[in-house]
Amino acid sequence: FSNSTLTSGGFDGGYSGGFGNISVGGGYGRTYCSGSFEGLRSGYGGGFSGSFGRVDGSLLSGGEKETMQNLNDRLANYLDKVHALEEANADLELKIRQWYEKHDPAAAGLSRDYSKYYSIIEDLKNKIFSATIENAKIVLQIDNAKLAADDFRLKFENELFLHQTVEADINGLRRVLDELTMTRSNLEAQLESLTEELAYLKKNHEEEIKCFQHASAGDVNVEINAAPGVDLTKLLNDMRMQYESLAEQNRREAEEHKQLQQQICDDAGAANSARHEITEIKRTLQTLEIELQALLKCSLEGTLAEVEGNYSAQLSQIQLQISNLEEQLQQIRSEMECQNSEYEQLLGVKTRLEMEIETYRRLLDGEGGQIDLNELKTNCCISFLFCFSICKYYRAVHYV
């Protein structure tokens, strides 16, 4: 009721007068007015002013026709006001229904049963929650797989580099071994040739000695004028020097070969130690990678727990809001039921009042004969209570 206002005045003067010894004074100082009830803005000032006078036996004697005519005029005025109130009540009910249809269709009698959707909504919520957890697990597995793939790629690159390095070292050692094999073959060939030459020289030397011995044993002095012979001592000394130099050269080459073999052994030991160090480094790297994966897993699990906690908090807030809205809806429905009960009571009062009006009409037409005093008092009191109930109803509408 955005355009509604509350004004003072209203039922000014209340219902003055009385019914015999019954008098009612004062009135309501507030009334409900809106844009649609400008005709009622001034209220029903004056109400049922005056009085019905003192109702006793003289009411039905002598001036019965004039008294009933006066009562009929008042009832006609009262009926006009009742019809105006009925129209205002219908208009107000229409506005109430329109407002509830706009803001809360369920409270306006257009309620729909959404209970069958609650289980579906709960199932969908559970599925969404499960899918979120499953998605987080899959993301965690993907991250772990990526980390494992990176680790394996790094290991493969390291192993490939080591393999290439070892192959290069092996190729270098093979070349050195080939060179040493060729040198050894050359040295063996030279040694064989020198051995054969030495054996040949020894054989010639022995033959020459034998010849000299046979020649000296015959006591034949033959003098020959010829060129001087070869100095065998010098020749043997020269040969000895050559063999000694050759032996020294072979010894040096053998020492160099031995040193080379020793260097190869040392290099092999260094390679083994380097390989052992690489193995230790790999083991340390794998340990660090395992620790890194464990830390990443703990971090991701903590993040997942935090996300689950946030979603649980949001879900709790949403459920709390739903509970509050359901409580408000239940409260509105209770208020509507109370208003409907009051409205039904007012309708009952209205029905009884129409019956009384019909009784008055029969009296005016002369069909009812004489009317009892107590019945007239009771009817007047019921009329007053009806007006009082209408005022109470409009106050209830104002509070709504």
Protein backbone atom coordinates (compact mmCIF):
# COMPACT_ATOMS: atom_id res chain seq x y z
CA PHE A 1 0.00 0.00 0.00
CA SER A 2 2.57 2.56 -1.15
CA ASN A 3 -0.01 5.30 -1.72
CA SER A 4 -1.89 4.81 1.51
CA THR A 5 -1.86 7.41 4.27
CA LEU A 6 -3.17 7.63 7.77
CA THR A 7 -5.05 10.72 8.79
CA SER A 8 -6.57 11.91 11.96
CA GLY A 9 -10.21 12.46 12.22
CA GLY A 10 -12.18 9.60 10.86
CA PHE A 11 -15.01 8.45 13.01
CA ASP A 12 -15.17 11.77 14.83
CA GLY A 13 -17.85 11.97 17.37
CA GLY A 14 -18.11 8.18 17.43
CA TYR A 15 -21.51 6.78 18.13
CA SER A 16 -23.17 9.16 20.51
CA GLY A 17 -26.58 8.77 22.01
CA GLY A 18 -27.78 5.58 23.54
CA PHE A 19 -30.19 2.72 23.53
CA GLY A 20 -32.38 3.21 26.53
CA ASN A 21 -30.00 3.12 29.44
CA ILE A 22 -27.07 2.18 27.10
CA SER A 23 -24.88 5.07 25.95
CA VAL A 24 -21.77 4.94 23.79
CA GLY A 25 -19.44 7.95 23.49
CA GLY A 26 -16.10 8.88 22.02
CA GLY A 27 -14.85 7.19 18.88
CA TYR A 28 -11.84 6.21 16.88
CA GLY A 29 -9.36 8.98 16.26
CA ARG A 30 -7.66 7.17 13.32
CA THR A 31 -8.97 5.76 10.10
CA TYR A 32 -7.41 4.19 7.02
CA CYS A 33 -7.46 6.26 3.85
CA SER A 34 -5.89 5.61 0.48
CA GLY A 35 -5.98 6.97 -3.02
CA SER A 36 -8.88 4.65 -3.79
CA PHE A 37 -10.93 5.74 -0.80
CA GLU A 38 -10.91 9.53 -1.18
CA GLY A 39 -14.67 9.42 -0.71
CA LEU A 40 -14.09 7.99 2.74
CA ARG A 41 -11.34 10.49 3.66
CA SER A 42 -13.62 12.56 5.82
CA GLY A 43 -14.57 9.31 7.60
CA TYR A 44 -18.01 8.76 8.70
CA GLY A 45 -18.09 11.86 10.82
CA GLY A 46 -21.06 12.15 12.94
CA GLY A 47 -21.51 8.37 12.66
CA PHE A 48 -24.92 7.57 13.89
CA SER A 49 -25.33 10.83 15.75
CA GLY A 50 -28.28 11.51 17.87
CA SER A 51 -29.98 8.66 19.60
CA PHE A 52 -32.73 6.26 19.21
CA GLY A 53 -34.32 7.98 22.13
CA ARG A 54 -35.58 6.15 25.11
CA VAL A 55 -37.05 2.90 23.97
CA ASP A 56 -39.98 1.93 26.14
CA GLY A 57 -43.62 1.04 25.82
CA SER A 58 -44.55 4.49 24.41
CA LEU A 59 -42.51 3.73 21.26
CA LEU A 60 -45.18 1.38 20.05
CA SER A 61 -48.21 3.39 21.22
CA GLY A 62 -49.80 6.28 19.43
CA GLY A 63 -47.02 7.51 17.10
CA GLU A 64 -45.92 4.04 15.98
CA LYS A 65 -46.05 4.98 12.31
CA GLU A 66 -43.96 8.13 12.74
CA THR A 67 -41.44 6.29 14.96
CA MET A 68 -41.05 3.46 12.49
CA GLN A 69 -40.71 5.98 9.65
CA ASN A 70 -37.89 7.70 11.55
CA LEU A 71 -36.29 4.32 12.21
CA ASN A 72 -36.67 3.43 8.54
CA ASP A 73 -34.91 6.62 7.47
CA ARG A 74 -32.07 5.89 9.84
CA LEU A 75 -31.85 2.31 8.62
CA ALA A 76 -31.83 3.47 5.01
CA ASN A 77 -28.98 5.84 5.81
CA TYR A 78 -27.27 3.02 7.68
CA LEU A 79 -27.74 0.64 4.73
CA ASP A 80 -26.22 3.18 2.36
CA LYS A 81 -23.22 3.41 4.62
CA VAL A 82 -23.07 -0.40 4.87
CA HIS A 83 -23.07 -0.67 1.06
CA ALA A 84 -20.35 1.96 0.88
CA LEU A 85 -18.35 -0.03 3.43
CA GLU A 86 -18.93 -3.22 1.43
CA GLU A 87 -17.64 -1.55 -1.73
CA ALA A 88 -14.65 -0.16 0.15
CA ASN A 89 -14.05 -3.58 1.68
CA ALA A 90 -14.19 -5.27 -1.75
CA ASP A 91 -11.85 -2.67 -3.21
CA LEU A 92 -9.50 -3.12 -0.26
CA GLU A 93 -9.58 -6.92 -0.62
CA LEU A 94 -8.78 -6.52 -4.32
CA LYS A 95 -5.82 -4.28 -3.52
CA ILE A 96 -4.63 -6.72 -0.83
CA ARG A 97 -4.85 -9.61 -3.27
CA GLN A 98 -3.05 -7.60 -5.99
CA TRP A 99 -0.31 -6.66 -3.55
CA TYR A 100 0.17 -10.26 -2.45
CA GLU A 101 0.11 -11.44 -6.06
CA LYS A 102 2.85 -8.93 -6.80
CA HIS A 103 5.01 -9.60 -3.75
CA ASP A 104 4.05 -13.09 -2.58
CA PRO A 105 1.73 -15.10 -4.87
CA ALA A 106 1.67 -18.00 -2.40
CA ALA A 107 0.09 -15.89 0.36
CA ALA A 108 -2.56 -14.52 -2.04
CA GLY A 109 -4.17 -17.92 -2.46
CA LEU A 110 -2.05 -18.79 -5.50
CA SER A 111 0.25 -21.07 -3.57
CA ARG A 112 1.84 -23.90 -5.43
CA ASP A 113 3.24 -27.08 -4.01
CA TYR A 114 6.99 -26.94 -4.46
CA SER A 115 7.68 -29.82 -2.10
CA LYS A 116 8.24 -32.22 -4.99
CA TYR A 117 11.10 -30.00 -6.17
CA TYR A 118 12.88 -29.99 -2.81
CA SER A 119 14.25 -33.50 -3.25
CA ILE A 120 15.32 -32.67 -6.82
CA ILE A 121 17.04 -29.49 -5.63
CA GLU A 122 18.76 -31.38 -2.82
CA ASP A 123 19.85 -34.09 -5.25
CA LEU A 124 21.20 -31.47 -7.65
CA LYS A 125 23.03 -29.76 -4.80
CA ASN A 126 24.60 -33.08 -3.80
CA LYS A 127 25.55 -33.75 -7.42
CA ILE A 128 27.08 -30.27 -7.75
CA PHE A 129 29.02 -30.77 -4.52
CA SER A 130 30.21 -34.23 -5.65
CA ALA A 131 31.13 -32.88 -9.08
CA THR A 132 33.08 -30.04 -7.46
CA ILE A 133 35.01 -32.49 -5.28
CA GLU A 134 35.57 -34.80 -8.25
CA ASN A 135 36.76 -31.86 -10.35
CA ALA A 136 39.19 -30.81 -7.62
CA LYS A 137 40.50 -34.38 -7.41
CA ILE A 138 40.95 -34.55 -11.18
CA VAL A 139 42.76 -31.20 -11.18
CA LEU A 140 45.00 -32.50 -8.39
CA GLN A 141 45.70 -35.69 -10.36
CA ILE A 142 46.46 -33.65 -13.49
CA ASP A 143 48.88 -31.46 -11.55
CA ASN A 144 50.55 -34.54 -10.07
CA ALA A 145 50.78 -36.11 -13.54
CA LYS A 146 52.32 -32.91 -14.93
CA LEU A 147 54.85 -32.83 -12.11
CA ALA A 148 55.67 -36.51 -12.65
CA ALA A 149 56.03 -35.92 -16.41
CA ASP A 150 58.36 -32.98 -15.77
CA ASP A 151 60.39 -35.10 -13.37
CA PHE A 152 60.67 -37.96 -15.87
CA ARG A 153 61.60 -35.53 -18.65
CA LEU A 154 64.31 -34.01 -16.46
CA LYS A 155 65.58 -37.48 -15.57
CA PHE A 156 65.57 -38.50 -19.23
CA GLU A 157 67.51 -35.39 -20.23
CA ASN A 158 70.07 -36.01 -17.47
CA GLU A 159 70.43 -39.67 -18.40
CA LEU A 160 70.73 -38.76 -22.09
CA PHE A 161 73.45 -36.23 -21.32
CA LEU A 162 75.32 -38.78 -19.20
CA HIS A 163 74.89 -41.41 -21.92
CA GLN A 164 76.28 -39.07 -24.57
CA THR A 165 79.19 -38.10 -22.30
CA VAL A 166 80.05 -41.73 -21.57
CA GLU A 167 79.79 -42.62 -25.26
CA ALA A 168 82.15 -39.75 -26.12
CA ASP A 169 84.61 -40.95 -23.46
CA ILE A 170 84.36 -44.53 -24.75
CA ASN A 171 84.98 -43.38 -28.32
CA GLY A 172 88.03 -41.39 -27.18
CA LEU A 173 89.37 -44.39 -25.26
CA ARG A 174 88.76 -46.60 -28.28
CA ARG A 175 90.79 -44.26 -30.44
CA VAL A 176 93.60 -44.28 -27.86
CA LEU A 177 93.38 -48.10 -27.69
CA ASP A 178 93.62 -48.34 -31.48
CA GLU A 179 96.66 -46.07 -31.48
CA LEU A 180 98.28 -48.14 -28.74
CA THR A 181 97.50 -51.37 -30.59
CA MET A 182 99.10 -50.02 -33.76
CA THR A 183 102.16 -48.85 -31.79
CA ARG A 184 102.44 -52.24 -30.14
CA SER A 185 102.22 -54.01 -33.51
CA ASN A 186 104.94 -51.78 -34.91
CA LEU A 187 107.14 -52.38 -31.89
CA GLU A 188 106.61 -56.14 -32.11
CA ALA A 189 107.51 -56.10 -35.81
CA GLN A 190 110.64 -54.06 -35.10
CA LEU A 191 111.53 -56.42 -32.25
CA GLU A 192 111.19 -59.48 -34.50
CA SER A 193 113.28 -57.90 -37.24
CA LEU A 194 115.98 -56.89 -34.78
CA THR A 195 115.92 -60.34 -33.20
CA GLU A 196 116.38 -61.96 -36.61
CA GLU A 197 119.18 -59.53 -37.45
CA LEU A 198 120.87 -60.25 -34.12
CA ALA A 199 120.65 -63.99 -34.70
CA TYR A 200 122.05 -63.56 -38.21
CA LEU A 201 124.94 -61.44 -36.91
CA LYS A 202 125.69 -63.95 -34.15
CA LYS A 203 125.75 -66.75 -36.71
CA ASN A 204 128.13 -64.82 -38.99
CA HIS A 205 130.33 -63.99 -36.05
CA GLU A 206 130.58 -67.62 -35.01
CA GLU A 207 131.41 -68.71 -38.56
CA GLU A 208 134.14 -66.07 -38.82
CA ILE A 209 135.63 -67.17 -35.50
CA LYS A 210 135.66 -70.77 -36.65
CA CYS A 211 137.40 -69.78 -39.87
CA PHE A 212 140.04 -67.89 -38.00
CA GLN A 213 140.63 -70.81 -35.68
CA HIS A 214 141.11 -73.27 -38.60
CA ALA A 215 143.47 -70.88 -40.32
CA SER A 216 145.69 -70.44 -37.28
CA ALA A 217 146.02 -74.21 -36.67
CA GLY A 218 147.79 -75.05 -40.03
CA ASP A 219 151.17 -73.22 -39.41
CA VAL A 220 151.12 -71.77 -42.80
CA ASN A 221 152.45 -68.29 -43.10
CA VAL A 222 151.10 -66.69 -46.08
CA GLU A 223 151.72 -63.10 -46.65
CA ILE A 224 149.34 -61.38 -48.88
CA ASN A 225 149.66 -57.87 -49.87
CA ALA A 226 146.03 -56.87 -49.62
CA ALA A 227 143.93 -54.19 -48.09
CA PRO A 228 143.57 -54.19 -44.29
CA GLY A 229 140.64 -56.29 -42.92
CA VAL A 230 137.58 -55.16 -41.09
CA ASP A 231 138.01 -54.25 -37.43
CA LEU A 232 135.61 -56.70 -35.83
CA THR A 233 135.94 -55.23 -32.36
CA LYS A 234 134.84 -51.87 -33.55
CA LEU A 235 132.07 -53.44 -35.54
CA LEU A 236 130.91 -55.38 -32.49
CA ASN A 237 131.07 -52.29 -30.34
CA ASP A 238 128.98 -50.42 -32.88
CA MET A 239 126.46 -53.21 -32.99
CA ARG A 240 126.39 -53.33 -29.19
CA MET A 241 125.73 -49.62 -29.02
CA GLN A 242 122.95 -49.92 -31.59
CA TYR A 243 121.30 -52.74 -29.67
CA GLU A 244 121.66 -50.86 -26.40
CA SER A 245 120.07 -47.77 -27.91
CA LEU A 246 117.30 -49.92 -29.39
CA ALA A 247 116.78 -51.62 -26.02
CA GLU A 248 116.69 -48.23 -24.31
CA GLN A 249 114.13 -47.01 -26.83
CA ASN A 250 112.01 -50.13 -26.30
CA ARG A 251 112.28 -49.67 -22.54
CA ARG A 252 111.13 -46.06 -22.81
CA GLU A 253 108.25 -47.08 -25.03
CA ALA A 254 107.31 -49.82 -22.57
CA GLU A 255 107.38 -47.31 -19.71
CA GLU A 256 105.24 -44.89 -21.72
CA HIS A 257 102.80 -47.72 -22.46
CA LYS A 258 102.71 -48.61 -18.77
CA GLN A 259 102.11 -44.96 -17.84
CA LEU A 260 99.35 -44.80 -20.42
CA GLN A 261 97.74 -47.93 -18.97
CA GLN A 262 98.04 -46.41 -15.49
CA GLN A 263 96.43 -43.19 -16.73
CA ILE A 264 93.62 -45.21 -18.31
CA CYS A 265 93.07 -47.02 -15.01
CA ASP A 266 93.09 -43.70 -13.14
CA ASP A 267 90.60 -42.23 -15.61
CA ALA A 268 88.38 -45.30 -15.22
CA GLY A 269 88.49 -44.87 -11.42
CA ALA A 270 87.65 -41.18 -11.78
CA ALA A 271 84.78 -42.10 -14.10
CA ASN A 272 83.49 -44.64 -11.56
CA SER A 273 83.70 -42.09 -8.75
CA ALA A 274 81.94 -39.50 -10.93
CA ARG A 275 79.27 -42.07 -11.77
CA HIS A 276 78.85 -42.81 -8.06
CA GLU A 277 78.52 -39.09 -7.32
CA ILE A 278 75.94 -38.76 -10.10
CA THR A 279 73.99 -41.67 -8.62
CA GLU A 280 74.04 -40.00 -5.19
CA ILE A 281 72.94 -36.70 -6.72
CA LYS A 282 70.09 -38.47 -8.53
CA ARG A 283 69.00 -40.14 -5.31
CA THR A 284 69.05 -36.78 -3.52
CA LEU A 285 67.11 -35.20 -6.39
CA GLN A 286 64.47 -37.93 -6.25
CA THR A 287 64.13 -37.45 -2.49
CA LEU A 288 63.67 -33.70 -2.96
CA GLU A 289 61.13 -34.31 -5.73
CA ILE A 290 59.16 -36.66 -3.48
CA GLU A 291 59.19 -34.04 -0.71
CA LEU A 292 58.08 -31.38 -3.22
CA GLN A 293 55.20 -33.56 -4.39
CA ALA A 294 54.18 -34.22 -0.79
CA LEU A 295 54.21 -30.48 -0.04
CA LEU A 296 52.22 -29.74 -3.19
CA LYS A 297 49.72 -32.42 -2.25
CA CYS A 298 49.34 -30.99 1.26
CA SER A 299 48.91 -27.50 -0.17
CA LEU A 300 46.29 -28.65 -2.67
CA GLU A 301 44.46 -30.62 0.02
CA GLY A 302 44.45 -27.52 2.22
CA THR A 303 43.10 -25.45 -0.67
CA LEU A 304 40.44 -28.09 -1.33
CA ALA A 305 39.43 -28.12 2.34
CA GLU A 306 39.23 -24.31 2.34
CA VAL A 307 37.07 -24.32 -0.80
CA GLU A 308 34.82 -26.98 0.72
CA GLY A 309 34.54 -24.91 3.91
CA ASN A 310 33.61 -21.78 1.93
CA TYR A 311 30.98 -23.66 -0.06
CA SER A 312 29.62 -25.21 3.14
CA ALA A 313 29.38 -21.76 4.75
CA GLN A 314 27.60 -20.37 1.68
CA LEU A 315 25.26 -23.37 1.66
CA SER A 316 24.49 -22.82 5.35
CA GLN A 317 23.73 -19.14 4.70
CA ILE A 318 21.43 -20.06 1.81
CA GLN A 319 19.64 -22.66 3.94
CA LEU A 320 19.27 -20.09 6.73
CA GLN A 321 17.78 -17.59 4.26
CA ILE A 322 15.40 -20.28 2.99
CA SER A 323 14.35 -21.06 6.57
CA ASN A 324 13.76 -17.35 7.29
CA LEU A 325 11.69 -16.98 4.13
CA GLU A 326 9.65 -20.06 5.02
CA GLU A 327 9.03 -18.66 8.51
CA GLN A 328 7.93 -15.33 7.03
CA LEU A 329 5.66 -17.15 4.58
CA GLN A 330 4.15 -19.19 7.42
CA GLN A 331 3.61 -16.03 9.46
CA ILE A 332 1.91 -14.31 6.51
CA ARG A 333 -0.33 -17.33 6.00
CA SER A 334 -1.25 -17.32 9.69
CA GLU A 335 -2.13 -13.62 9.50
CA MET A 336 -4.21 -14.26 6.39
CA GLU A 337 -6.06 -17.08 8.14
CA CYS A 338 -6.78 -14.79 11.09
CA GLN A 339 -8.03 -12.06 8.76
CA ASN A 340 -10.16 -14.57 6.86
CA SER A 341 -11.65 -15.76 10.16
CA GLU A 342 -12.47 -12.18 11.17
CA TYR A 343 -13.90 -11.55 7.73
CA GLU A 344 -16.15 -14.60 8.02
CA GLN A 345 -17.31 -13.39 11.42
CA LEU A 346 -18.11 -9.99 9.91
CA LEU A 347 -20.02 -11.69 7.12
CA GLY A 348 -22.03 -13.57 9.76
CA VAL A 349 -22.80 -10.30 11.53
CA LYS A 350 -23.77 -8.78 8.18
CA THR A 351 -26.13 -11.67 7.51
CA ARG A 352 -27.80 -11.29 10.87
CA LEU A 353 -28.08 -7.55 10.28
CA GLU A 354 -29.78 -8.11 6.93
CA MET A 355 -32.23 -10.41 8.69
CA GLU A 356 -32.95 -7.65 11.21
CA ILE A 357 -33.42 -5.15 8.38
CA GLU A 358 -35.90 -7.51 6.79
CA THR A 359 -37.72 -7.69 10.13
CA TYR A 360 -37.85 -3.87 10.25
CA ARG A 361 -39.17 -3.81 6.70
CA ARG A 362 -41.97 -6.20 7.62
CA LEU A 363 -42.80 -3.98 10.61
CA LEU A 364 -42.97 -0.95 8.30
CA ASP A 365 -45.30 -2.85 6.00
CA GLY A 366 -47.49 -3.80 8.97
CA GLU A 367 -46.72 -7.50 8.69
CA GLY A 368 -44.97 -7.94 11.99
CA GLY A 369 -47.62 -6.47 14.24
CA GLN A 370 -46.33 -5.29 17.59
CA ILE A 371 -42.57 -5.59 18.30
CA ASP A 372 -41.18 -6.58 21.63
CA LEU A 373 -39.07 -4.06 23.58
CA ASN A 374 -36.27 -6.50 24.38
CA GLU A 375 -36.07 -7.59 20.76
CA LEU A 376 -35.72 -3.95 19.66
CA LYS A 377 -32.96 -3.36 22.22
CA THR A 378 -31.16 -6.53 21.10
CA ASN A 379 -31.38 -5.54 17.44
CA CYS A 380 -30.05 -2.07 18.15
CA CYS A 381 -27.15 -3.52 20.15
CA ILE A 382 -26.35 -5.94 17.30
CA SER A 383 -26.34 -2.99 14.86
CA PHE A 384 -23.92 -1.13 17.09
CA LEU A 385 -21.69 -4.21 17.43
CA PHE A 386 -21.63 -4.59 13.65
CA CYS A 387 -20.44 -1.01 13.22
CA PHE A 388 -17.87 -1.56 15.96
CA SER A 389 -16.65 -4.76 14.23
CA ILE A 390 -16.27 -2.90 10.94
CA CYS A 391 -14.09 -0.32 12.66
CA LYS A 392 -12.04 -3.11 14.23
CA TYR A 393 -11.63 -4.75 10.81
CA TYR A 394 -10.30 -1.54 9.27
CA ARG A 395 -7.85 -1.17 12.13
CA ALA A 396 -6.64 -4.75 11.47
CA VAL A 397 -6.23 -3.91 7.79
CA HIS A 398 -4.24 -0.84 8.81
CA TYR A 399 -1.83 -2.98 10.86
CA VAL A 400 -1.39 -5.39 7.96
